[in-house]
Amino acid sequence: LTTALISVFTNKPIKDTSGMTWKMSWRGTILPIGGLREKEIGAHRGGIKTIIIPEENQRELDEIPKEIMKEVEFILVNQYQEVLDVVMKA
């Protein structure tokens, strides 16, 4: 939601092939999530090609099917500013 609002207010679109899943603290720290495998399989089915996930979930990438790993770029982040740096590239 935060990224969508920033996109609207800055008039900078986010690629429709990008996805992201995480929890965020009030200070912008990206926190780990559960159910990464299921979320990423669903995103892949929906046509997502770039997925931003918490760096703390990196070890769970081993659980994602290899065919998805070949087709999807995973970007690992720790702070929300890193998310903006990725999605707001023009």
PDB file of N, CA and C in Angstrom:
ATOM      1  N   LEU A   1       0.827  -1.183   0.000  1.00  0.00           N
ATOM      2  CA  LEU A   1       0.000   0.000   0.000  1.00  0.00           C
ATOM      3  C   LEU A   1       0.879   1.257   0.000  1.00  0.00           C
ATOM      4  N   THR A   2       1.925   1.253   0.797  1.00  0.00           N
ATOM      5  CA  THR A   2       2.821   2.402   0.864  1.00  0.00           C
ATOM      6  C   THR A   2       3.405   2.707  -0.504  1.00  0.00           C
ATOM      7  N   THR A   3       3.851   1.685  -1.199  1.00  0.00           N
ATOM      8  CA  THR A   3       4.459   1.878  -2.516  1.00  0.00           C
ATOM      9  C   THR A   3       3.438   2.402  -3.516  1.00  0.00           C
ATOM     10  N   ALA A   4       2.220   1.904  -3.457  1.00  0.00           N
ATOM     11  CA  ALA A   4       1.170   2.381  -4.360  1.00  0.00           C
ATOM     12  C   ALA A   4       0.882   3.861  -4.118  1.00  0.00           C
ATOM     13  N   LEU A   5       0.804   4.275  -2.869  1.00  0.00           N
ATOM     14  CA  LEU A   5       0.558   5.681  -2.562  1.00  0.00           C
ATOM     15  C   LEU A   5       1.699   6.574  -3.039  1.00  0.00           C
ATOM     16  N   ILE A   6       2.919   6.148  -2.823  1.00  0.00           N
ATOM     17  CA  ILE A   6       4.070   6.922  -3.281  1.00  0.00           C
ATOM     18  C   ILE A   6       4.046   7.027  -4.806  1.00  0.00           C
ATOM     19  N   SER A   7       3.690   5.955  -5.479  1.00  0.00           N
ATOM     20  CA  SER A   7       3.591   5.966  -6.936  1.00  0.00           C
ATOM     21  C   SER A   7       2.555   6.991  -7.400  1.00  0.00           C
ATOM     22  N   VAL A   8       1.416   7.028  -6.753  1.00  0.00           N
ATOM     23  CA  VAL A   8       0.354   7.979  -7.117  1.00  0.00           C
ATOM     24  C   VAL A   8       0.805   9.415  -6.879  1.00  0.00           C
ATOM     25  N   PHE A   9       1.370   9.682  -5.714  1.00  0.00           N
ATOM     26  CA  PHE A   9       1.749  11.055  -5.370  1.00  0.00           C
ATOM     27  C   PHE A   9       2.931  11.576  -6.181  1.00  0.00           C
ATOM     28  N   THR A  10       3.815  10.693  -6.621  1.00  0.00           N
ATOM     29  CA  THR A  10       4.973  11.120  -7.411  1.00  0.00           C
ATOM     30  C   THR A  10       4.721  11.009  -8.907  1.00  0.00           C
ATOM     31  N   ASN A  11       3.580  10.416  -9.265  1.00  0.00           N
ATOM     32  CA  ASN A  11       3.224  10.205 -10.674  1.00  0.00           C
ATOM     33  C   ASN A  11       4.265   9.344 -11.399  1.00  0.00           C
ATOM     34  N   LYS A  12       4.853   8.391 -10.669  1.00  0.00           N
ATOM     35  CA  LYS A  12       5.812   7.447 -11.243  1.00  0.00           C
ATOM     36  C   LYS A  12       5.189   6.053 -11.184  1.00  0.00           C
ATOM     37  N   PRO A  13       4.899   5.468 -12.337  1.00  0.00           N
ATOM     38  CA  PRO A  13       4.261   4.147 -12.332  1.00  0.00           C
ATOM     39  C   PRO A  13       5.224   3.042 -11.891  1.00  0.00           C
ATOM     40  N   ILE A  14       4.646   1.996 -11.385  1.00  0.00           N
ATOM     41  CA  ILE A  14       5.393   0.796 -11.011  1.00  0.00           C
ATOM     42  C   ILE A  14       5.106  -0.244 -12.090  1.00  0.00           C
ATOM     43  N   LYS A  15       6.124  -0.971 -12.511  1.00  0.00           N
ATOM     44  CA  LYS A  15       5.931  -1.993 -13.538  1.00  0.00           C
ATOM     45  C   LYS A  15       4.881  -3.007 -13.096  1.00  0.00           C
ATOM     46  N   ASP A  16       4.002  -3.372 -14.029  1.00  0.00           N
ATOM     47  CA  ASP A  16       2.958  -4.340 -13.682  1.00  0.00           C
ATOM     48  C   ASP A  16       3.479  -5.770 -13.635  1.00  0.00           C
ATOM     49  N   THR A  17       4.762  -5.962 -13.919  1.00  0.00           N
ATOM     50  CA  THR A  17       5.352  -7.295 -13.789  1.00  0.00           C
ATOM     51  C   THR A  17       6.192  -7.407 -12.513  1.00  0.00           C
ATOM     52  N   SER A  18       6.074  -6.418 -11.634  1.00  0.00           N
ATOM     53  CA  SER A  18       6.792  -6.429 -10.358  1.00  0.00           C
ATOM     54  C   SER A  18       5.834  -6.780  -9.230  1.00  0.00           C
ATOM     55  N   GLY A  19       6.360  -7.476  -8.251  1.00  0.00           N
ATOM     56  CA  GLY A  19       5.572  -7.820  -7.080  1.00  0.00           C
ATOM     57  C   GLY A  19       6.432  -7.717  -5.841  1.00  0.00           C
ATOM     58  N   MET A  20       5.790  -7.633  -4.701  1.00  0.00           N
ATOM     59  CA  MET A  20       6.532  -7.536  -3.448  1.00  0.00           C
ATOM     60  C   MET A  20       5.691  -8.106  -2.323  1.00  0.00           C
ATOM     61  N   THR A  21       6.368  -8.690  -1.366  1.00  0.00           N
ATOM     62  CA  THR A  21       5.670  -9.218  -0.191  1.00  0.00           C
ATOM     63  C   THR A  21       6.600  -9.126   1.007  1.00  0.00           C
ATOM     64  N   TRP A  22       6.121  -8.482   2.065  1.00  0.00           N
ATOM     65  CA  TRP A  22       6.868  -8.346   3.301  1.00  0.00           C
ATOM     66  C   TRP A  22       5.996  -7.690   4.349  1.00  0.00           C
ATOM     67  N   LYS A  23       6.551  -7.587   5.552  1.00  0.00           N
ATOM     68  CA  LYS A  23       5.997  -6.776   6.627  1.00  0.00           C
ATOM     69  C   LYS A  23       7.014  -5.664   6.853  1.00  0.00           C
ATOM     70  N   MET A  24       6.550  -4.501   7.299  1.00  0.00           N
ATOM     71  CA  MET A  24       7.460  -3.383   7.502  1.00  0.00           C
ATOM     72  C   MET A  24       7.236  -2.761   8.873  1.00  0.00           C
ATOM     73  N   SER A  25       8.336  -2.453   9.561  1.00  0.00           N
ATOM     74  CA  SER A  25       8.235  -1.772  10.849  1.00  0.00           C
ATOM     75  C   SER A  25       7.969  -0.288  10.610  1.00  0.00           C
ATOM     76  N   TRP A  26       7.618   0.432  11.662  1.00  0.00           N
ATOM     77  CA  TRP A  26       7.371   1.875  11.557  1.00  0.00           C
ATOM     78  C   TRP A  26       8.622   2.622  11.122  1.00  0.00           C
ATOM     79  N   ARG A  27       9.775   2.041  11.324  1.00  0.00           N
ATOM     80  CA  ARG A  27      11.039   2.703  10.954  1.00  0.00           C
ATOM     81  C   ARG A  27      11.543   2.299   9.568  1.00  0.00           C
ATOM     82  N   GLY A  28      10.754   1.508   8.850  1.00  0.00           N
ATOM     83  CA  GLY A  28      11.123   1.141   7.491  1.00  0.00           C
ATOM     84  C   GLY A  28      11.943  -0.126   7.364  1.00  0.00           C
ATOM     85  N   THR A  29      12.107  -0.859   8.449  1.00  0.00           N
ATOM     86  CA  THR A  29      12.831  -2.127   8.386  1.00  0.00           C
ATOM     87  C   THR A  29      11.904  -3.178   7.792  1.00  0.00           C
ATOM     88  N   ILE A  30      12.406  -3.902   6.808  1.00  0.00           N
ATOM     89  CA  ILE A  30      11.626  -4.958   6.167  1.00  0.00           C
ATOM     90  C   ILE A  30      11.780  -6.229   6.991  1.00  0.00           C
ATOM     91  N   LEU A  31      10.656  -6.782   7.411  1.00  0.00           N
ATOM     92  CA  LEU A  31      10.641  -7.951   8.290  1.00  0.00           C
ATOM     93  C   LEU A  31      10.298  -9.216   7.503  1.00  0.00           C
ATOM     94  N   PRO A  32      10.766 -10.370   7.950  1.00  0.00           N
ATOM     95  CA  PRO A  32      10.499 -11.622   7.236  1.00  0.00           C
ATOM     96  C   PRO A  32       9.020 -11.994   7.250  1.00  0.00           C
ATOM     97  N   ILE A  33       8.655 -12.821   6.286  1.00  0.00           N
ATOM     98  CA  ILE A  33       7.270 -13.274   6.134  1.00  0.00           C
ATOM     99  C   ILE A  33       7.213 -14.787   6.149  1.00  0.00           C
ATOM    100  N   GLY A  34       6.031 -15.323   6.258  1.00  0.00           N
ATOM    101  CA  GLY A  34       5.817 -16.765   6.168  1.00  0.00           C
ATOM    102  C   GLY A  34       5.129 -17.091   4.859  1.00  0.00           C
ATOM    103  N   GLY A  35       5.183 -18.341   4.464  1.00  0.00           N
ATOM    104  CA  GLY A  35       4.491 -18.796   3.260  1.00  0.00           C
ATOM    105  C   GLY A  35       5.087 -18.285   1.962  1.00  0.00           C
ATOM    106  N   LEU A  36       6.387 -18.058   1.953  1.00  0.00           N
ATOM    107  CA  LEU A  36       7.044 -17.497   0.769  1.00  0.00           C
ATOM    108  C   LEU A  36       6.829 -18.363  -0.467  1.00  0.00           C
ATOM    109  N   ARG A  37       6.999 -19.647  -0.339  1.00  0.00           N
ATOM    110  CA  ARG A  37       6.879 -20.548  -1.492  1.00  0.00           C
ATOM    111  C   ARG A  37       5.518 -20.399  -2.160  1.00  0.00           C
ATOM    112  N   GLU A  38       4.465 -20.444  -1.395  1.00  0.00           N
ATOM    113  CA  GLU A  38       3.114 -20.361  -1.950  1.00  0.00           C
ATOM    114  C   GLU A  38       2.855 -18.996  -2.592  1.00  0.00           C
ATOM    115  N   LYS A  39       3.329 -17.945  -1.951  1.00  0.00           N
ATOM    116  CA  LYS A  39       3.140 -16.597  -2.487  1.00  0.00           C
ATOM    117  C   LYS A  39       3.867 -16.429  -3.815  1.00  0.00           C
ATOM    118  N   GLU A  40       5.069 -16.949  -3.910  1.00  0.00           N
ATOM    119  CA  GLU A  40       5.864 -16.779  -5.125  1.00  0.00           C
ATOM    120  C   GLU A  40       5.323 -17.636  -6.267  1.00  0.00           C
ATOM    121  N   ILE A  41       4.827 -18.809  -5.972  1.00  0.00           N
ATOM    122  CA  ILE A  41       4.212 -19.632  -7.023  1.00  0.00           C
ATOM    123  C   ILE A  41       2.983 -18.915  -7.573  1.00  0.00           C
ATOM    124  N   GLY A  42       2.169 -18.340  -6.696  1.00  0.00           N
ATOM    125  CA  GLY A  42       0.998 -17.583  -7.128  1.00  0.00           C
ATOM    126  C   GLY A  42       1.373 -16.356  -7.949  1.00  0.00           C
ATOM    127  N   ALA A  43       2.403 -15.644  -7.532  1.00  0.00           N
ATOM    128  CA  ALA A  43       2.852 -14.462  -8.274  1.00  0.00           C
ATOM    129  C   ALA A  43       3.342 -14.861  -9.662  1.00  0.00           C
ATOM    130  N   HIS A  44       4.064 -15.945  -9.745  1.00  0.00           N
ATOM    131  CA  HIS A  44       4.557 -16.437 -11.038  1.00  0.00           C
ATOM    132  C   HIS A  44       3.390 -16.763 -11.960  1.00  0.00           C
ATOM    133  N   ARG A  45       2.387 -17.422 -11.435  1.00  0.00           N
ATOM    134  CA  ARG A  45       1.196 -17.746 -12.231  1.00  0.00           C
ATOM    135  C   ARG A  45       0.495 -16.474 -12.723  1.00  0.00           C
ATOM    136  N   GLY A  46       0.605 -15.398 -11.957  1.00  0.00           N
ATOM    137  CA  GLY A  46      -0.012 -14.122 -12.320  1.00  0.00           C
ATOM    138  C   GLY A  46       0.835 -13.284 -13.262  1.00  0.00           C
ATOM    139  N   GLY A  47       1.980 -13.797 -13.685  1.00  0.00           N
ATOM    140  CA  GLY A  47       2.817 -13.083 -14.660  1.00  0.00           C
ATOM    141  C   GLY A  47       3.865 -12.167 -14.066  1.00  0.00           C
ATOM    142  N   ILE A  48       4.101 -12.260 -12.768  1.00  0.00           N
ATOM    143  CA  ILE A  48       5.105 -11.420 -12.122  1.00  0.00           C
ATOM    144  C   ILE A  48       6.499 -11.930 -12.484  1.00  0.00           C
ATOM    145  N   LYS A  49       7.380 -11.005 -12.904  1.00  0.00           N
ATOM    146  CA  LYS A  49       8.738 -11.374 -13.324  1.00  0.00           C
ATOM    147  C   LYS A  49       9.817 -10.925 -12.338  1.00  0.00           C
ATOM    148  N   THR A  50       9.503  -9.935 -11.501  1.00  0.00           N
ATOM    149  CA  THR A  50      10.438  -9.432 -10.496  1.00  0.00           C
ATOM    150  C   THR A  50       9.711  -9.411  -9.163  1.00  0.00           C
ATOM    151  N   ILE A  51      10.297 -10.042  -8.153  1.00  0.00           N
ATOM    152  CA  ILE A  51       9.663 -10.105  -6.844  1.00  0.00           C
ATOM    153  C   ILE A  51      10.644  -9.614  -5.786  1.00  0.00           C
ATOM    154  N   ILE A  52      10.183  -8.675  -4.983  1.00  0.00           N
ATOM    155  CA  ILE A  52      10.999  -8.115  -3.910  1.00  0.00           C
ATOM    156  C   ILE A  52      10.573  -8.791  -2.606  1.00  0.00           C
ATOM    157  N   ILE A  53      11.565  -9.357  -1.907  1.00  0.00           N
ATOM    158  CA  ILE A  53      11.280 -10.079  -0.666  1.00  0.00           C
ATOM    159  C   ILE A  53      12.276  -9.667   0.419  1.00  0.00           C
ATOM    160  N   PRO A  54      11.952  -9.936   1.684  1.00  0.00           N
ATOM    161  CA  PRO A  54      12.890  -9.643   2.774  1.00  0.00           C
ATOM    162  C   PRO A  54      14.163 -10.477   2.644  1.00  0.00           C
ATOM    163  N   GLU A  55      15.284  -9.858   2.919  1.00  0.00           N
ATOM    164  CA  GLU A  55      16.559 -10.578   2.863  1.00  0.00           C
ATOM    165  C   GLU A  55      16.572 -11.751   3.832  1.00  0.00           C
ATOM    166  N   GLU A  56      15.870 -11.627   4.948  1.00  0.00           N
ATOM    167  CA  GLU A  56      15.833 -12.704   5.945  1.00  0.00           C
ATOM    168  C   GLU A  56      15.126 -13.959   5.421  1.00  0.00           C
ATOM    169  N   ASN A  57      14.404 -13.856   4.312  1.00  0.00           N
ATOM    170  CA  ASN A  57      13.733 -15.014   3.718  1.00  0.00           C
ATOM    171  C   ASN A  57      14.592 -15.685   2.635  1.00  0.00           C
ATOM    172  N   GLN A  58      15.816 -15.249   2.472  1.00  0.00           N
ATOM    173  CA  GLN A  58      16.674 -15.787   1.416  1.00  0.00           C
ATOM    174  C   GLN A  58      16.807 -17.306   1.498  1.00  0.00           C
ATOM    175  N   ARG A  59      16.939 -17.845   2.667  1.00  0.00           N
ATOM    176  CA  ARG A  59      17.128 -19.299   2.808  1.00  0.00           C
ATOM    177  C   ARG A  59      15.930 -20.084   2.276  1.00  0.00           C
ATOM    178  N   GLU A  60      14.757 -19.456   2.230  1.00  0.00           N
ATOM    179  CA  GLU A  60      13.552 -20.135   1.752  1.00  0.00           C
ATOM    180  C   GLU A  60      13.473 -20.198   0.224  1.00  0.00           C
ATOM    181  N   LEU A  61      14.364 -19.503  -0.456  1.00  0.00           N
ATOM    182  CA  LEU A  61      14.360 -19.556  -1.922  1.00  0.00           C
ATOM    183  C   LEU A  61      14.669 -20.963  -2.424  1.00  0.00           C
ATOM    184  N   ASP A  62      15.343 -21.771  -1.601  1.00  0.00           N
ATOM    185  CA  ASP A  62      15.645 -23.161  -1.973  1.00  0.00           C
ATOM    186  C   ASP A  62      14.377 -23.992  -2.137  1.00  0.00           C
ATOM    187  N   GLU A  63      13.277 -23.562  -1.520  1.00  0.00           N
ATOM    188  CA  GLU A  63      12.018 -24.307  -1.568  1.00  0.00           C
ATOM    189  C   GLU A  63      11.188 -23.994  -2.821  1.00  0.00           C
ATOM    190  N   ILE A  64      11.579 -22.975  -3.563  1.00  0.00           N
ATOM    191  CA  ILE A  64      10.818 -22.559  -4.746  1.00  0.00           C
ATOM    192  C   ILE A  64      11.247 -23.418  -5.931  1.00  0.00           C
ATOM    193  N   PRO A  65      10.288 -23.910  -6.706  1.00  0.00           N
ATOM    194  CA  PRO A  65      10.632 -24.769  -7.854  1.00  0.00           C
ATOM    195  C   PRO A  65      11.651 -24.112  -8.800  1.00  0.00           C
ATOM    196  N   LYS A  66      12.555 -24.933  -9.310  1.00  0.00           N
ATOM    197  CA  LYS A  66      13.639 -24.436 -10.164  1.00  0.00           C
ATOM    198  C   LYS A  66      13.147 -23.735 -11.421  1.00  0.00           C
ATOM    199  N   GLU A  67      12.030 -24.197 -11.991  1.00  0.00           N
ATOM    200  CA  GLU A  67      11.519 -23.551 -13.204  1.00  0.00           C
ATOM    201  C   GLU A  67      11.067 -22.117 -12.924  1.00  0.00           C
ATOM    202  N   ILE A  68      10.577 -21.863 -11.726  1.00  0.00           N
ATOM    203  CA  ILE A  68      10.203 -20.498 -11.352  1.00  0.00           C
ATOM    204  C   ILE A  68      11.457 -19.665 -11.117  1.00  0.00           C
ATOM    205  N   MET A  69      12.437 -20.230 -10.476  1.00  0.00           N
ATOM    206  CA  MET A  69      13.689 -19.508 -10.214  1.00  0.00           C
ATOM    207  C   MET A  69      14.359 -19.057 -11.513  1.00  0.00           C
ATOM    208  N   LYS A  70      14.192 -19.824 -12.582  1.00  0.00           N
ATOM    209  CA  LYS A  70      14.779 -19.457 -13.875  1.00  0.00           C
ATOM    210  C   LYS A  70      14.058 -18.281 -14.521  1.00  0.00           C
ATOM    211  N   GLU A  71      12.773 -18.124 -14.220  1.00  0.00           N
ATOM    212  CA  GLU A  71      11.948 -17.123 -14.896  1.00  0.00           C
ATOM    213  C   GLU A  71      11.708 -15.851 -14.090  1.00  0.00           C
ATOM    214  N   VAL A  72      12.005 -15.894 -12.793  1.00  0.00           N
ATOM    215  CA  VAL A  72      11.695 -14.767 -11.923  1.00  0.00           C
ATOM    216  C   VAL A  72      12.975 -14.235 -11.291  1.00  0.00           C
ATOM    217  N   GLU A  73      13.094 -12.902 -11.246  1.00  0.00           N
ATOM    218  CA  GLU A  73      14.220 -12.267 -10.557  1.00  0.00           C
ATOM    219  C   GLU A  73      13.775 -11.944  -9.135  1.00  0.00           C
ATOM    220  N   PHE A  74      14.529 -12.401  -8.159  1.00  0.00           N
ATOM    221  CA  PHE A  74      14.232 -12.121  -6.760  1.00  0.00           C
ATOM    222  C   PHE A  74      15.201 -11.057  -6.265  1.00  0.00           C
ATOM    223  N   ILE A  75      14.662 -10.005  -5.671  1.00  0.00           N
ATOM    224  CA  ILE A  75      15.470  -8.925  -5.122  1.00  0.00           C
ATOM    225  C   ILE A  75      15.269  -8.931  -3.614  1.00  0.00           C
ATOM    226  N   LEU A  76      16.364  -9.020  -2.888  1.00  0.00           N
ATOM    227  CA  LEU A  76      16.332  -9.095  -1.427  1.00  0.00           C
ATOM    228  C   LEU A  76      16.583  -7.712  -0.827  1.00  0.00           C
ATOM    229  N   VAL A  77      15.764  -7.318   0.148  1.00  0.00           N
ATOM    230  CA  VAL A  77      15.887  -5.996   0.752  1.00  0.00           C
ATOM    231  C   VAL A  77      15.831  -6.062   2.279  1.00  0.00           C
ATOM    232  N   ASN A  78      16.412  -5.045   2.915  1.00  0.00           N
ATOM    233  CA  ASN A  78      16.382  -4.910   4.374  1.00  0.00           C
ATOM    234  C   ASN A  78      15.609  -3.681   4.830  1.00  0.00           C
ATOM    235  N   GLN A  79      15.661  -2.614   4.026  1.00  0.00           N
ATOM    236  CA  GLN A  79      15.030  -1.344   4.368  1.00  0.00           C
ATOM    237  C   GLN A  79      14.097  -0.902   3.251  1.00  0.00           C
ATOM    238  N   TYR A  80      13.037  -0.162   3.608  1.00  0.00           N
ATOM    239  CA  TYR A  80      12.061   0.252   2.614  1.00  0.00           C
ATOM    240  C   TYR A  80      12.680   1.139   1.535  1.00  0.00           C
ATOM    241  N   GLN A  81      13.685   1.919   1.871  1.00  0.00           N
ATOM    242  CA  GLN A  81      14.334   2.756   0.854  1.00  0.00           C
ATOM    243  C   GLN A  81      14.873   1.909  -0.296  1.00  0.00           C
ATOM    244  N   GLU A  82      15.340   0.711   0.006  1.00  0.00           N
ATOM    245  CA  GLU A  82      15.822  -0.189  -1.048  1.00  0.00           C
ATOM    246  C   GLU A  82      14.691  -0.573  -1.995  1.00  0.00           C
ATOM    247  N   VAL A  83      13.501  -0.746  -1.460  1.00  0.00           N
ATOM    248  CA  VAL A  83      12.329  -1.061  -2.293  1.00  0.00           C
ATOM    249  C   VAL A  83      12.073   0.094  -3.256  1.00  0.00           C
ATOM    250  N   LEU A  84      12.047   1.300  -2.733  1.00  0.00           N
ATOM    251  CA  LEU A  84      11.813   2.464  -3.586  1.00  0.00           C
ATOM    252  C   LEU A  84      12.880   2.604  -4.658  1.00  0.00           C
ATOM    253  N   ASP A  85      14.129   2.323  -4.295  1.00  0.00           N
ATOM    254  CA  ASP A  85      15.214   2.401  -5.272  1.00  0.00           C
ATOM    255  C   ASP A  85      14.973   1.445  -6.437  1.00  0.00           C
ATOM    256  N   VAL A  86      14.376   0.297  -6.168  1.00  0.00           N
ATOM    257  CA  VAL A  86      14.112  -0.695  -7.211  1.00  0.00           C
ATOM    258  C   VAL A  86      12.878  -0.328  -8.034  1.00  0.00           C
ATOM    259  N   VAL A  87      11.770  -0.048  -7.381  1.00  0.00           N
ATOM    260  CA  VAL A  87      10.509   0.134  -8.108  1.00  0.00           C
ATOM    261  C   VAL A  87      10.335   1.508  -8.721  1.00  0.00           C
ATOM    262  N   MET A  88      11.060   2.500  -8.251  1.00  0.00           N
ATOM    263  CA  MET A  88      10.894   3.839  -8.791  1.00  0.00           C
ATOM    264  C   MET A  88      11.938   4.198  -9.836  1.00  0.00           C
ATOM    265  N   LYS A  89      12.711   3.212 -10.279  1.00  0.00           N
ATOM    266  CA  LYS A  89      13.669   3.470 -11.371  1.00  0.00           C
ATOM    267  C   LYS A  89      12.879   3.859 -12.612  1.00  0.00           C
ATOM    268  N   ALA A  90      13.318   4.889 -13.253  1.00  0.00           N
ATOM    269  CA  ALA A  90      12.611   5.324 -14.476  1.00  0.00           C
ATOM    270  C   ALA A  90      13.397   4.963 -15.704  1.00  0.00           C
TER     271      ALA A  90
END
